[in-house]
């Protein structure tokens, strides 16, 4: 089943691509996306193709911050009716609650969670790649960039997070990240997310319009009847959030979704799926990302994938991929070094 994202996620793509010397029409066709979707923001497109487009654009342009560059001028209006609902909530806390509730309508491969700890708050973003071999750096940076832009529209234009955390390694040039987020940007972290003060969540929104919020919610709920996420998509998003905690049992997932365990199992069976097969699929996707695309210690990778011991992770990895994690990482590193020694391809010019 292909996970979908609103075409509005491509807002500003053409402008950023042209500024980087790319032909946006050619790039979109190559990724399997019709350029006409840019005129239809409510159309749903496959997440896998969306991710392929961002990654190819970053690679061909040499701009490691391509996704973040797309986020720089995002507005609440890019979220469609959900943006109207988010804008007119009484506090940022209420706005984030609505965003979490309707996230599947915007991007079925993205999960949002808010965790409070003392006087601090962590706004976590978790992504399903849609393709186990597809890097997620550009999508993650776009998602966190959009979140910061939305908060600045809801609180104040010069708001800065206390920290911004990325699972992936740092780019060669940090200037775009520091200009956008401020000085506290960290890489090779255990999660993708934003850390801010609890007081930010409870700040009152002087422009909130309760009547408009009720109207927007009515429109969205009527539309959601036709676009309800399937149980399979809900389970995948929840597994993605719970797996690193080591609490990713079918019982925990069912509790998170507010249903009984047997309901989850029955609905997955109706779609020819089982809970264990989905966990295994997501682990394989995350393993590919963390083993071959990062330098994170393999003991940490084992924890992020929900294994209680590195030995269990190694046995599982060998059964899945036919080699050990160390061998896989070494082979990936050798391939990258070989690619780096090849002559660089000439930059693609935009068509007149």
C-alpha atoms as a PDB file:
ATOM      1  CA  UNK A   1       0.000   0.000   0.000  1.00  0.00           C
ATOM      2  CA  UNK A   2       1.399   3.374  -0.995  1.00  0.00           C
ATOM      3  CA  UNK A   3       1.418   6.031   1.719  1.00  0.00           C
ATOM      4  CA  UNK A   4       0.296   9.449   0.511  1.00  0.00           C
ATOM      5  CA  UNK A   5       1.103  13.101   1.200  1.00  0.00           C
ATOM      6  CA  UNK A   6      -0.715  16.263   0.098  1.00  0.00           C
ATOM      7  CA  UNK A   7       0.797  17.845  -2.993  1.00  0.00           C
ATOM      8  CA  UNK A   8       1.026  21.059  -0.934  1.00  0.00           C
ATOM      9  CA  UNK A   9       4.168  19.490   0.589  1.00  0.00           C
ATOM     10  CA  UNK A  10       5.848  20.572  -2.664  1.00  0.00           C
ATOM     11  CA  UNK A  11       5.115  24.262  -2.063  1.00  0.00           C
ATOM     12  CA  UNK A  12       8.187  26.326  -3.082  1.00  0.00           C
ATOM     13  CA  UNK A  13       9.806  23.330  -4.789  1.00  0.00           C
ATOM     14  CA  UNK A  14      10.033  25.005  -8.201  1.00  0.00           C
ATOM     15  CA  UNK A  15      11.572  28.189  -6.791  1.00  0.00           C
ATOM     16  CA  UNK A  16      14.209  26.344  -4.754  1.00  0.00           C
ATOM     17  CA  UNK A  17      15.021  23.995  -7.631  1.00  0.00           C
ATOM     18  CA  UNK A  18      15.522  26.844 -10.114  1.00  0.00           C
ATOM     19  CA  UNK A  19      17.685  28.758  -7.650  1.00  0.00           C
ATOM     20  CA  UNK A  20      19.854  25.628  -7.382  1.00  0.00           C
ATOM     21  CA  UNK A  21      20.241  25.409 -11.170  1.00  0.00           C
ATOM     22  CA  UNK A  22      17.763  22.555 -11.692  1.00  0.00           C
ATOM     23  CA  UNK A  23      14.867  22.177 -14.097  1.00  0.00           C
ATOM     24  CA  UNK A  24      11.919  21.489 -11.728  1.00  0.00           C
ATOM     25  CA  UNK A  25       9.691  20.074 -14.483  1.00  0.00           C
ATOM     26  CA  UNK A  26      12.337  17.577 -15.564  1.00  0.00           C
ATOM     27  CA  UNK A  27      13.100  16.614 -11.974  1.00  0.00           C
ATOM     28  CA  UNK A  28       9.438  15.979 -11.181  1.00  0.00           C
ATOM     29  CA  UNK A  29       8.894  13.847 -14.275  1.00  0.00           C
ATOM     30  CA  UNK A  30      12.006  11.816 -13.415  1.00  0.00           C
ATOM     31  CA  UNK A  31      10.574  11.189  -9.921  1.00  0.00           C
ATOM     32  CA  UNK A  32       7.253  10.041 -11.362  1.00  0.00           C
ATOM     33  CA  UNK A  33       5.302  13.147 -10.310  1.00  0.00           C
ATOM     34  CA  UNK A  34       3.304  15.244 -12.747  1.00  0.00           C
ATOM     35  CA  UNK A  35       4.207  18.964 -12.476  1.00  0.00           C
ATOM     36  CA  UNK A  36       0.477  19.714 -12.674  1.00  0.00           C
ATOM     37  CA  UNK A  37       0.107  18.684  -9.023  1.00  0.00           C
ATOM     38  CA  UNK A  38       1.721  22.002  -8.060  1.00  0.00           C
ATOM     39  CA  UNK A  39      -1.564  23.655  -9.066  1.00  0.00           C
ATOM     40  CA  UNK A  40      -3.645  21.165  -7.016  1.00  0.00           C
ATOM     41  CA  UNK A  41      -2.384  21.297  -3.412  1.00  0.00           C
ATOM     42  CA  UNK A  42      -5.115  18.976  -2.087  1.00  0.00           C
ATOM     43  CA  UNK A  43      -4.194  16.107  -4.408  1.00  0.00           C
ATOM     44  CA  UNK A  44      -2.472  13.170  -2.698  1.00  0.00           C
ATOM     45  CA  UNK A  45       0.810  11.892  -4.117  1.00  0.00           C
ATOM     46  CA  UNK A  46       2.923   8.848  -3.109  1.00  0.00           C
ATOM     47  CA  UNK A  47       5.347   9.596  -0.287  1.00  0.00           C
ATOM     48  CA  UNK A  48       8.003   7.424  -1.929  1.00  0.00           C
ATOM     49  CA  UNK A  49       8.022   9.611  -5.057  1.00  0.00           C
ATOM     50  CA  UNK A  50       7.987  12.794  -2.985  1.00  0.00           C
ATOM     51  CA  UNK A  51      11.033  11.593  -1.044  1.00  0.00           C
ATOM     52  CA  UNK A  52      12.763  10.501  -4.249  1.00  0.00           C
ATOM     53  CA  UNK A  53      12.287  13.979  -5.719  1.00  0.00           C
ATOM     54  CA  UNK A  54      13.736  15.779  -2.699  1.00  0.00           C
ATOM     55  CA  UNK A  55      16.727  13.450  -2.453  1.00  0.00           C
ATOM     56  CA  UNK A  56      17.512  13.654  -6.168  1.00  0.00           C
ATOM     57  CA  UNK A  57      17.219  17.446  -6.079  1.00  0.00           C
ATOM     58  CA  UNK A  58      19.594  17.706  -3.125  1.00  0.00           C
ATOM     59  CA  UNK A  59      22.102  15.354  -4.765  1.00  0.00           C
ATOM     60  CA  UNK A  60      22.072  16.950  -8.221  1.00  0.00           C
ATOM     61  CA  UNK A  61      22.211  20.515  -6.908  1.00  0.00           C
ATOM     62  CA  UNK A  62      24.808  19.808  -4.229  1.00  0.00           C
ATOM     63  CA  UNK A  63      22.535  21.624  -1.737  1.00  0.00           C
ATOM     64  CA  UNK A  64      22.442  19.443   1.390  1.00  0.00           C
ATOM     65  CA  UNK A  65      19.838  21.804   2.871  1.00  0.00           C
ATOM     66  CA  UNK A  66      17.413  21.551  -0.062  1.00  0.00           C
ATOM     67  CA  UNK A  67      14.430  20.437   2.068  1.00  0.00           C
ATOM     68  CA  UNK A  68      15.091  23.115   4.668  1.00  0.00           C
ATOM     69  CA  UNK A  69      15.291  25.749   1.925  1.00  0.00           C
ATOM     70  CA  UNK A  70      11.777  24.737   0.846  1.00  0.00           C
ATOM     71  CA  UNK A  71      10.517  25.381   4.390  1.00  0.00           C
ATOM     72  CA  UNK A  72      11.793  28.942   4.647  1.00  0.00           C
ATOM     73  CA  UNK A  73       8.655  30.633   3.307  1.00  0.00           C
ATOM     74  CA  UNK A  74       5.966  28.138   4.367  1.00  0.00           C
ATOM     75  CA  UNK A  75       2.703  29.472   5.773  1.00  0.00           C
ATOM     76  CA  UNK A  76      -0.187  27.998   7.740  1.00  0.00           C
ATOM     77  CA  UNK A  77      -2.284  28.321   4.596  1.00  0.00           C
ATOM     78  CA  UNK A  78      -0.184  25.573   3.006  1.00  0.00           C
ATOM     79  CA  UNK A  79      -1.945  23.133   5.347  1.00  0.00           C
ATOM     80  CA  UNK A  80      -5.309  23.907   3.760  1.00  0.00           C
ATOM     81  CA  UNK A  81      -8.357  23.653   6.076  1.00  0.00           C
ATOM     82  CA  UNK A  82      -6.169  22.126   8.807  1.00  0.00           C
ATOM     83  CA  UNK A  83      -4.109  25.322   8.753  1.00  0.00           C
ATOM     84  CA  UNK A  84      -7.268  27.355   9.400  1.00  0.00           C
ATOM     85  CA  UNK A  85      -8.124  25.124  12.351  1.00  0.00           C
ATOM     86  CA  UNK A  86      -4.602  25.297  13.783  1.00  0.00           C
ATOM     87  CA  UNK A  87      -4.425  29.092  13.388  1.00  0.00           C
ATOM     88  CA  UNK A  88      -7.571  29.814  15.442  1.00  0.00           C
ATOM     89  CA  UNK A  89      -6.821  27.713  18.542  1.00  0.00           C
ATOM     90  CA  UNK A  90      -6.478  29.435  21.924  1.00  0.00           C
ATOM     91  CA  UNK A  91      -2.886  28.247  22.613  1.00  0.00           C
ATOM     92  CA  UNK A  92       0.017  26.572  20.837  1.00  0.00           C
ATOM     93  CA  UNK A  93      -0.769  23.450  22.868  1.00  0.00           C
ATOM     94  CA  UNK A  94      -4.261  23.363  21.352  1.00  0.00           C
ATOM     95  CA  UNK A  95      -2.865  24.009  17.872  1.00  0.00           C
ATOM     96  CA  UNK A  96      -0.427  21.092  18.139  1.00  0.00           C
ATOM     97  CA  UNK A  97      -3.196  18.834  19.432  1.00  0.00           C
ATOM     98  CA  UNK A  98      -5.242  19.587  16.331  1.00  0.00           C
ATOM     99  CA  UNK A  99      -2.227  19.090  14.103  1.00  0.00           C
ATOM    100  CA  UNK A 100      -1.607  15.653  15.644  1.00  0.00           C
ATOM    101  CA  UNK A 101      -5.268  14.717  15.274  1.00  0.00           C
ATOM    102  CA  UNK A 102      -5.394  15.532  11.570  1.00  0.00           C
ATOM    103  CA  UNK A 103      -1.807  14.653  10.605  1.00  0.00           C
ATOM    104  CA  UNK A 104      -2.891  11.594   8.548  1.00  0.00           C
ATOM    105  CA  UNK A 105      -4.849  13.892   6.227  1.00  0.00           C
ATOM    106  CA  UNK A 106      -1.677  15.877   5.505  1.00  0.00           C
ATOM    107  CA  UNK A 107       0.992  13.168   5.399  1.00  0.00           C
ATOM    108  CA  UNK A 108       0.271   9.504   6.118  1.00  0.00           C
ATOM    109  CA  UNK A 109       3.987   8.765   6.562  1.00  0.00           C
ATOM    110  CA  UNK A 110       4.639  11.362   9.252  1.00  0.00           C
ATOM    111  CA  UNK A 111       3.933  11.155  12.980  1.00  0.00           C
ATOM    112  CA  UNK A 112       3.917  13.977  15.509  1.00  0.00           C
ATOM    113  CA  UNK A 113       4.134  13.618  19.287  1.00  0.00           C
ATOM    114  CA  UNK A 114       4.450  16.158  22.112  1.00  0.00           C
ATOM    115  CA  UNK A 115       6.269  15.129  25.312  1.00  0.00           C
ATOM    116  CA  UNK A 116       6.480  17.285  28.429  1.00  0.00           C
ATOM    117  CA  UNK A 117       9.297  16.952  30.938  1.00  0.00           C
ATOM    118  CA  UNK A 118       9.383  19.521  33.716  1.00  0.00           C
ATOM    119  CA  UNK A 119       9.556  22.955  32.164  1.00  0.00           C
ATOM    120  CA  UNK A 120      10.573  21.670  28.732  1.00  0.00           C
ATOM    121  CA  UNK A 121       8.684  20.181  25.814  1.00  0.00           C
ATOM    122  CA  UNK A 122       9.870  17.901  23.009  1.00  0.00           C
ATOM    123  CA  UNK A 123       7.960  18.045  19.723  1.00  0.00           C
ATOM    124  CA  UNK A 124       8.967  14.829  17.962  1.00  0.00           C
ATOM    125  CA  UNK A 125       8.659  14.134  14.259  1.00  0.00           C
ATOM    126  CA  UNK A 126       8.955  10.554  12.991  1.00  0.00           C
ATOM    127  CA  UNK A 127       8.869   9.570   9.324  1.00  0.00           C
ATOM    128  CA  UNK A 128       8.238   6.383   7.406  1.00  0.00           C
ATOM    129  CA  UNK A 129      10.550   6.369   4.402  1.00  0.00           C
ATOM    130  CA  UNK A 130       8.136   4.533   2.091  1.00  0.00           C
ATOM    131  CA  UNK A 131      11.198   2.850   0.579  1.00  0.00           C
ATOM    132  CA  UNK A 132      13.788   1.106   2.749  1.00  0.00           C
ATOM    133  CA  UNK A 133      16.665   2.370   0.587  1.00  0.00           C
ATOM    134  CA  UNK A 134      15.533   5.997   0.442  1.00  0.00           C
ATOM    135  CA  UNK A 135      17.293   8.521   2.722  1.00  0.00           C
ATOM    136  CA  UNK A 136      14.936  10.694   4.772  1.00  0.00           C
ATOM    137  CA  UNK A 137      17.241  13.649   5.543  1.00  0.00           C
ATOM    138  CA  UNK A 138      15.500  16.084   3.193  1.00  0.00           C
ATOM    139  CA  UNK A 139      11.977  15.148   4.341  1.00  0.00           C
ATOM    140  CA  UNK A 140      12.955  15.382   8.021  1.00  0.00           C
ATOM    141  CA  UNK A 141      14.549  18.806   7.600  1.00  0.00           C
ATOM    142  CA  UNK A 142      11.560  20.031   5.616  1.00  0.00           C
ATOM    143  CA  UNK A 143       9.179  18.761   8.335  1.00  0.00           C
ATOM    144  CA  UNK A 144      11.050  20.393  11.228  1.00  0.00           C
ATOM    145  CA  UNK A 145      11.539  23.575   9.233  1.00  0.00           C
ATOM    146  CA  UNK A 146       7.809  23.771   8.546  1.00  0.00           C
ATOM    147  CA  UNK A 147       7.050  23.167  12.231  1.00  0.00           C
ATOM    148  CA  UNK A 148       9.288  26.053  13.304  1.00  0.00           C
ATOM    149  CA  UNK A 149       7.691  28.300  10.667  1.00  0.00           C
ATOM    150  CA  UNK A 150       4.210  27.427  11.944  1.00  0.00           C
ATOM    151  CA  UNK A 151       5.157  28.110  15.571  1.00  0.00           C
ATOM    152  CA  UNK A 152       6.605  31.479  14.600  1.00  0.00           C
ATOM    153  CA  UNK A 153       3.325  32.400  12.933  1.00  0.00           C
ATOM    154  CA  UNK A 154       1.371  31.329  16.016  1.00  0.00           C
ATOM    155  CA  UNK A 155       3.633  32.864  18.715  1.00  0.00           C
ATOM    156  CA  UNK A 156       5.996  35.506  17.326  1.00  0.00           C
ATOM    157  CA  UNK A 157       8.095  35.932  14.225  1.00  0.00           C
ATOM    158  CA  UNK A 158      11.475  35.840  15.991  1.00  0.00           C
ATOM    159  CA  UNK A 159      10.738  32.763  18.164  1.00  0.00           C
ATOM    160  CA  UNK A 160      13.648  30.345  18.494  1.00  0.00           C
ATOM    161  CA  UNK A 161      13.616  26.778  19.853  1.00  0.00           C
ATOM    162  CA  UNK A 162      15.906  25.807  22.708  1.00  0.00           C
ATOM    163  CA  UNK A 163      17.271  22.946  20.606  1.00  0.00           C
ATOM    164  CA  UNK A 164      16.622  21.346  17.226  1.00  0.00           C
ATOM    165  CA  UNK A 165      17.666  17.692  17.012  1.00  0.00           C
ATOM    166  CA  UNK A 166      18.307  15.519  13.949  1.00  0.00           C
ATOM    167  CA  UNK A 167      19.080  11.815  13.810  1.00  0.00           C
ATOM    168  CA  UNK A 168      21.203  12.195  10.670  1.00  0.00           C
ATOM    169  CA  UNK A 169      24.792  13.529  10.527  1.00  0.00           C
ATOM    170  CA  UNK A 170      25.593  17.223  10.132  1.00  0.00           C
ATOM    171  CA  UNK A 171      25.967  18.693   6.631  1.00  0.00           C
ATOM    172  CA  UNK A 172      29.282  20.132   5.507  1.00  0.00           C
ATOM    173  CA  UNK A 173      27.852  23.667   5.685  1.00  0.00           C
ATOM    174  CA  UNK A 174      25.757  24.568   8.751  1.00  0.00           C
ATOM    175  CA  UNK A 175      24.997  28.162   7.754  1.00  0.00           C
ATOM    176  CA  UNK A 176      21.445  27.526   6.474  1.00  0.00           C
ATOM    177  CA  UNK A 177      20.500  25.543   9.594  1.00  0.00           C
ATOM    178  CA  UNK A 178      21.882  28.136  11.994  1.00  0.00           C
ATOM    179  CA  UNK A 179      20.273  31.019  10.130  1.00  0.00           C
ATOM    180  CA  UNK A 180      16.916  29.256  10.118  1.00  0.00           C
ATOM    181  CA  UNK A 181      16.833  27.587  13.554  1.00  0.00           C
ATOM    182  CA  UNK A 182      19.363  29.569  15.586  1.00  0.00           C
ATOM    183  CA  UNK A 183      22.615  28.350  17.139  1.00  0.00           C
ATOM    184  CA  UNK A 184      21.339  25.242  18.975  1.00  0.00           C
ATOM    185  CA  UNK A 185      21.154  22.725  16.126  1.00  0.00           C
ATOM    186  CA  UNK A 186      22.382  19.213  16.967  1.00  0.00           C
ATOM    187  CA  UNK A 187      22.981  16.135  14.792  1.00  0.00           C
ATOM    188  CA  UNK A 188      23.409  12.380  15.369  1.00  0.00           C
ATOM    189  CA  UNK A 189      20.713  12.605  18.043  1.00  0.00           C
ATOM    190  CA  UNK A 190      18.353   9.865  19.204  1.00  0.00           C
ATOM    191  CA  UNK A 191      15.314  11.582  17.703  1.00  0.00           C
ATOM    192  CA  UNK A 192      14.171  14.194  15.209  1.00  0.00           C
ATOM    193  CA  UNK A 193      12.453  17.032  16.992  1.00  0.00           C
ATOM    194  CA  UNK A 194      12.271  20.465  18.556  1.00  0.00           C
ATOM    195  CA  UNK A 195      12.845  21.311  22.224  1.00  0.00           C
ATOM    196  CA  UNK A 196      11.134  24.400  23.618  1.00  0.00           C
ATOM    197  CA  UNK A 197       9.867  25.857  26.892  1.00  0.00           C
ATOM    198  CA  UNK A 198       6.580  24.610  28.332  1.00  0.00           C
ATOM    199  CA  UNK A 199       5.525  28.238  28.663  1.00  0.00           C
ATOM    200  CA  UNK A 200       5.528  28.483  24.860  1.00  0.00           C
ATOM    201  CA  UNK A 201       2.780  25.869  24.675  1.00  0.00           C
ATOM    202  CA  UNK A 202       0.520  27.790  27.035  1.00  0.00           C
ATOM    203  CA  UNK A 203       1.003  31.262  25.546  1.00  0.00           C
ATOM    204  CA  UNK A 204      -2.373  32.725  24.559  1.00  0.00           C
ATOM    205  CA  UNK A 205      -3.135  33.346  20.921  1.00  0.00           C
ATOM    206  CA  UNK A 206      -4.636  36.864  20.712  1.00  0.00           C
ATOM    207  CA  UNK A 207      -5.900  36.218  17.167  1.00  0.00           C
ATOM    208  CA  UNK A 208      -7.785  32.997  17.990  1.00  0.00           C
ATOM    209  CA  UNK A 209     -11.300  32.892  16.567  1.00  0.00           C
ATOM    210  CA  UNK A 210     -13.340  30.076  18.204  1.00  0.00           C
ATOM    211  CA  UNK A 211     -16.191  30.432  15.704  1.00  0.00           C
ATOM    212  CA  UNK A 212     -13.837  30.046  12.750  1.00  0.00           C
ATOM    213  CA  UNK A 213     -12.139  27.084  14.458  1.00  0.00           C
ATOM    214  CA  UNK A 214     -15.501  25.311  14.862  1.00  0.00           C
ATOM    215  CA  UNK A 215     -16.357  25.970  11.231  1.00  0.00           C
ATOM    216  CA  UNK A 216     -12.989  24.674  10.006  1.00  0.00           C
ATOM    217  CA  UNK A 217     -13.262  21.568  12.164  1.00  0.00           C
ATOM    218  CA  UNK A 218     -16.711  20.793  10.799  1.00  0.00           C
ATOM    219  CA  UNK A 219     -15.395  21.009   7.233  1.00  0.00           C
ATOM    220  CA  UNK A 220     -12.409  18.813   8.053  1.00  0.00           C
ATOM    221  CA  UNK A 221     -14.439  16.171   9.900  1.00  0.00           C
ATOM    222  CA  UNK A 222     -16.860  15.878   7.000  1.00  0.00           C
ATOM    223  CA  UNK A 223     -13.957  15.418   4.627  1.00  0.00           C
ATOM    224  CA  UNK A 224     -12.222  12.971   6.963  1.00  0.00           C
ATOM    225  CA  UNK A 225     -15.099  10.517   6.655  1.00  0.00           C
ATOM    226  CA  UNK A 226     -13.958   9.961   3.080  1.00  0.00           C
ATOM    227  CA  UNK A 227     -10.247   9.988   3.878  1.00  0.00           C
ATOM    228  CA  UNK A 228      -9.974   8.026   7.110  1.00  0.00           C
ATOM    229  CA  UNK A 229      -6.591   6.435   7.564  1.00  0.00           C
ATOM    230  CA  UNK A 230      -6.684   2.656   7.635  1.00  0.00           C
ATOM    231  CA  UNK A 231      -5.721   0.706  10.725  1.00  0.00           C
ATOM    232  CA  UNK A 232      -2.585  -0.404   8.897  1.00  0.00           C
ATOM    233  CA  UNK A 233      -1.376   3.193   8.490  1.00  0.00           C
ATOM    234  CA  UNK A 234      -2.233   4.011  12.124  1.00  0.00           C
ATOM    235  CA  UNK A 235      -0.309   0.986  13.373  1.00  0.00           C
ATOM    236  CA  UNK A 236       2.736   1.795  11.232  1.00  0.00           C
ATOM    237  CA  UNK A 237       2.922   5.357  12.537  1.00  0.00           C
ATOM    238  CA  UNK A 238       2.545   4.214  16.149  1.00  0.00           C
ATOM    239  CA  UNK A 239       5.209   1.511  15.819  1.00  0.00           C
ATOM    240  CA  UNK A 240       7.569   4.127  14.425  1.00  0.00           C
ATOM    241  CA  UNK A 241       7.077   6.264  17.536  1.00  0.00           C
ATOM    242  CA  UNK A 242       7.182   3.481  20.150  1.00  0.00           C
ATOM    243  CA  UNK A 243       9.928   1.231  18.771  1.00  0.00           C
ATOM    244  CA  UNK A 244      12.937   3.106  20.259  1.00  0.00           C
ATOM    245  CA  UNK A 245      11.351   3.012  23.723  1.00  0.00           C
ATOM    246  CA  UNK A 246      11.335  -0.794  23.832  1.00  0.00           C
ATOM    247  CA  UNK A 247       7.579  -0.653  24.521  1.00  0.00           C
ATOM    248  CA  UNK A 248       6.388  -1.631  21.075  1.00  0.00           C
ATOM    249  CA  UNK A 249       4.084  -4.569  21.749  1.00  0.00           C
ATOM    250  CA  UNK A 250       0.723  -5.003  20.078  1.00  0.00           C
ATOM    251  CA  UNK A 251      -0.842  -4.236  23.459  1.00  0.00           C
ATOM    252  CA  UNK A 252       1.026  -0.928  23.747  1.00  0.00           C
ATOM    253  CA  UNK A 253       0.118   0.053  20.191  1.00  0.00           C
ATOM    254  CA  UNK A 254      -3.549  -0.779  20.763  1.00  0.00           C
ATOM    255  CA  UNK A 255      -3.550   1.292  23.939  1.00  0.00           C
ATOM    256  CA  UNK A 256      -1.940   4.203  22.081  1.00  0.00           C
ATOM    257  CA  UNK A 257      -4.684   4.008  19.432  1.00  0.00           C
ATOM    258  CA  UNK A 258      -7.456   3.742  22.015  1.00  0.00           C
ATOM    259  CA  UNK A 259      -8.701   0.306  20.925  1.00  0.00           C
ATOM    260  CA  UNK A 260      -8.441  -3.226  22.308  1.00  0.00           C
ATOM    261  CA  UNK A 261      -5.669  -5.541  21.143  1.00  0.00           C
ATOM    262  CA  UNK A 262      -8.009  -7.932  19.330  1.00  0.00           C
ATOM    263  CA  UNK A 263      -9.371  -5.065  17.229  1.00  0.00           C
ATOM    264  CA  UNK A 264      -5.877  -4.230  15.966  1.00  0.00           C
ATOM    265  CA  UNK A 265      -5.156  -7.877  15.144  1.00  0.00           C
ATOM    266  CA  UNK A 266      -8.498  -8.408  13.405  1.00  0.00           C
ATOM    267  CA  UNK A 267      -8.270  -5.290  11.245  1.00  0.00           C
ATOM    268  CA  UNK A 268      -4.690  -6.048  10.244  1.00  0.00           C
ATOM    269  CA  UNK A 269      -5.697  -9.603   9.319  1.00  0.00           C
ATOM    270  CA  UNK A 270      -8.486  -8.206   7.146  1.00  0.00           C
ATOM    271  CA  UNK A 271      -5.736  -6.461   5.122  1.00  0.00           C
ATOM    272  CA  UNK A 272      -3.526  -9.547   4.972  1.00  0.00           C
ATOM    273  CA  UNK A 273      -1.079  -8.209   7.559  1.00  0.00           C
ATOM    274  CA  UNK A 274       0.132  -9.164  11.019  1.00  0.00           C
ATOM    275  CA  UNK A 275       1.587  -7.002  13.764  1.00  0.00           C
ATOM    276  CA  UNK A 276       4.911  -8.874  13.761  1.00  0.00           C
ATOM    277  CA  UNK A 277       5.342  -8.528   9.985  1.00  0.00           C
ATOM    278  CA  UNK A 278       4.801  -4.764  10.184  1.00  0.00           C
ATOM    279  CA  UNK A 279       7.315  -4.416  13.032  1.00  0.00           C
ATOM    280  CA  UNK A 280       9.818  -6.425  11.007  1.00  0.00           C
ATOM    281  CA  UNK A 281       9.246  -4.289   7.902  1.00  0.00           C
ATOM    282  CA  UNK A 282       9.782  -1.036   9.800  1.00  0.00           C
ATOM    283  CA  UNK A 283      12.868  -2.422  11.548  1.00  0.00           C
ATOM    284  CA  UNK A 284      14.346  -3.321   8.156  1.00  0.00           C
ATOM    285  CA  UNK A 285      13.660   0.193   6.905  1.00  0.00           C
ATOM    286  CA  UNK A 286      15.242   1.829   9.969  1.00  0.00           C
ATOM    287  CA  UNK A 287      18.179  -0.584   9.972  1.00  0.00           C
ATOM    288  CA  UNK A 288      19.052   0.365   6.407  1.00  0.00           C
ATOM    289  CA  UNK A 289      18.921   4.036   7.345  1.00  0.00           C
ATOM    290  CA  UNK A 290      20.990   3.830  10.539  1.00  0.00           C
ATOM    291  CA  UNK A 291      23.519   1.162   9.548  1.00  0.00           C
ATOM    292  CA  UNK A 292      24.474   2.306   6.053  1.00  0.00           C
ATOM    293  CA  UNK A 293      23.649   6.013   6.160  1.00  0.00           C
ATOM    294  CA  UNK A 294      25.102   7.042   9.529  1.00  0.00           C
ATOM    295  CA  UNK A 295      28.062   6.453  11.823  1.00  0.00           C
ATOM    296  CA  UNK A 296      25.882   5.866  14.867  1.00  0.00           C
ATOM    297  CA  UNK A 297      27.289   3.101  17.136  1.00  0.00           C
ATOM    298  CA  UNK A 298      25.622  -0.212  16.378  1.00  0.00           C
ATOM    299  CA  UNK A 299      24.686  -0.639  20.040  1.00  0.00           C
ATOM    300  CA  UNK A 300      22.590   2.531  19.726  1.00  0.00           C
ATOM    301  CA  UNK A 301      21.054   1.274  16.484  1.00  0.00           C
ATOM    302  CA  UNK A 302      20.000  -1.900  18.293  1.00  0.00           C
ATOM    303  CA  UNK A 303      18.228   0.200  20.926  1.00  0.00           C
ATOM    304  CA  UNK A 304      16.540   2.433  18.349  1.00  0.00           C
ATOM    305  CA  UNK A 305      15.149  -0.693  16.672  1.00  0.00           C
ATOM    306  CA  UNK A 306      13.739  -1.960  19.969  1.00  0.00           C
ATOM    307  CA  UNK A 307      16.237  -4.758  20.681  1.00  0.00           C
ATOM    308  CA  UNK A 308      17.170  -5.309  24.321  1.00  0.00           C
ATOM    309  CA  UNK A 309      20.656  -6.555  23.418  1.00  0.00           C
ATOM    310  CA  UNK A 310      23.065  -5.996  20.484  1.00  0.00           C
ATOM    311  CA  UNK A 311      23.356  -9.768  19.966  1.00  0.00           C
ATOM    312  CA  UNK A 312      19.646 -10.006  19.227  1.00  0.00           C
ATOM    313  CA  UNK A 313      19.954  -7.172  16.730  1.00  0.00           C
ATOM    314  CA  UNK A 314      22.934  -8.850  15.011  1.00  0.00           C
ATOM    315  CA  UNK A 315      21.103 -12.177  14.632  1.00  0.00           C
ATOM    316  CA  UNK A 316      18.017 -10.448  13.264  1.00  0.00           C
ATOM    317  CA  UNK A 317      20.078  -8.313  10.866  1.00  0.00           C
ATOM    318  CA  UNK A 318      21.940 -11.326   9.475  1.00  0.00           C
ATOM    319  CA  UNK A 319      18.652 -13.164   8.918  1.00  0.00           C
ATOM    320  CA  UNK A 320      17.255 -10.154   7.060  1.00  0.00           C
ATOM    321  CA  UNK A 321      20.226  -9.057   4.968  1.00  0.00           C
ATOM    322  CA  UNK A 322      22.549 -12.051   4.825  1.00  0.00           C
ATOM    323  CA  UNK A 323      25.460 -10.310   6.530  1.00  0.00           C
ATOM    324  CA  UNK A 324      26.329  -8.642   9.822  1.00  0.00           C
ATOM    325  CA  UNK A 325      25.692  -4.925  10.484  1.00  0.00           C
ATOM    326  CA  UNK A 326      29.464  -4.333  10.566  1.00  0.00           C
ATOM    327  CA  UNK A 327      29.930  -5.958   7.162  1.00  0.00           C
ATOM    328  CA  UNK A 328      27.031  -3.977   5.721  1.00  0.00           C
ATOM    329  CA  UNK A 329      28.420  -0.678   7.024  1.00  0.00           C
ATOM    330  CA  UNK A 330      31.897  -1.463   5.716  1.00  0.00           C
ATOM    331  CA  UNK A 331      30.540  -2.264   2.250  1.00  0.00           C
ATOM    332  CA  UNK A 332      28.504   0.952   2.214  1.00  0.00           C
ATOM    333  CA  UNK A 333      31.524   3.012   3.238  1.00  0.00           C
ATOM    334  CA  UNK A 334      33.651   1.456   0.492  1.00  0.00           C
ATOM    335  CA  UNK A 335      30.968   2.236  -2.101  1.00  0.00           C
ATOM    336  CA  UNK A 336      30.767   5.859  -0.941  1.00  0.00           C
ATOM    337  CA  UNK A 337      34.544   6.290  -1.097  1.00  0.00           C
ATOM    338  CA  UNK A 338      34.595   4.850  -4.606  1.00  0.00           C
ATOM    339  CA  UNK A 339      31.808   7.205  -5.697  1.00  0.00           C
ATOM    340  CA  UNK A 340      33.654  10.193  -4.219  1.00  0.00           C
ATOM    341  CA  UNK A 341      36.691   9.524  -6.413  1.00  0.00           C
ATOM    342  CA  UNK A 342      34.674   9.648  -9.643  1.00  0.00           C
ATOM    343  CA  UNK A 343      34.703  12.892 -11.671  1.00  0.00           C
ATOM    344  CA  UNK A 344      31.776  15.164 -10.782  1.00  0.00           C
ATOM    345  CA  UNK A 345      28.964  15.336 -13.344  1.00  0.00           C
ATOM    346  CA  UNK A 346      28.397  18.778 -14.952  1.00  0.00           C
ATOM    347  CA  UNK A 347      25.704  20.841 -13.221  1.00  0.00           C
ATOM    348  CA  UNK A 348      22.282  20.694 -14.869  1.00  0.00           C
ATOM    349  CA  UNK A 349      21.085  23.997 -16.208  1.00  0.00           C
ATOM    350  CA  UNK A 350      17.516  25.193 -16.034  1.00  0.00           C
ATOM    351  CA  UNK A 351      15.766  25.339 -19.377  1.00  0.00           C
ATOM    352  CA  UNK A 352      14.927  28.839 -20.652  1.00  0.00           C
END
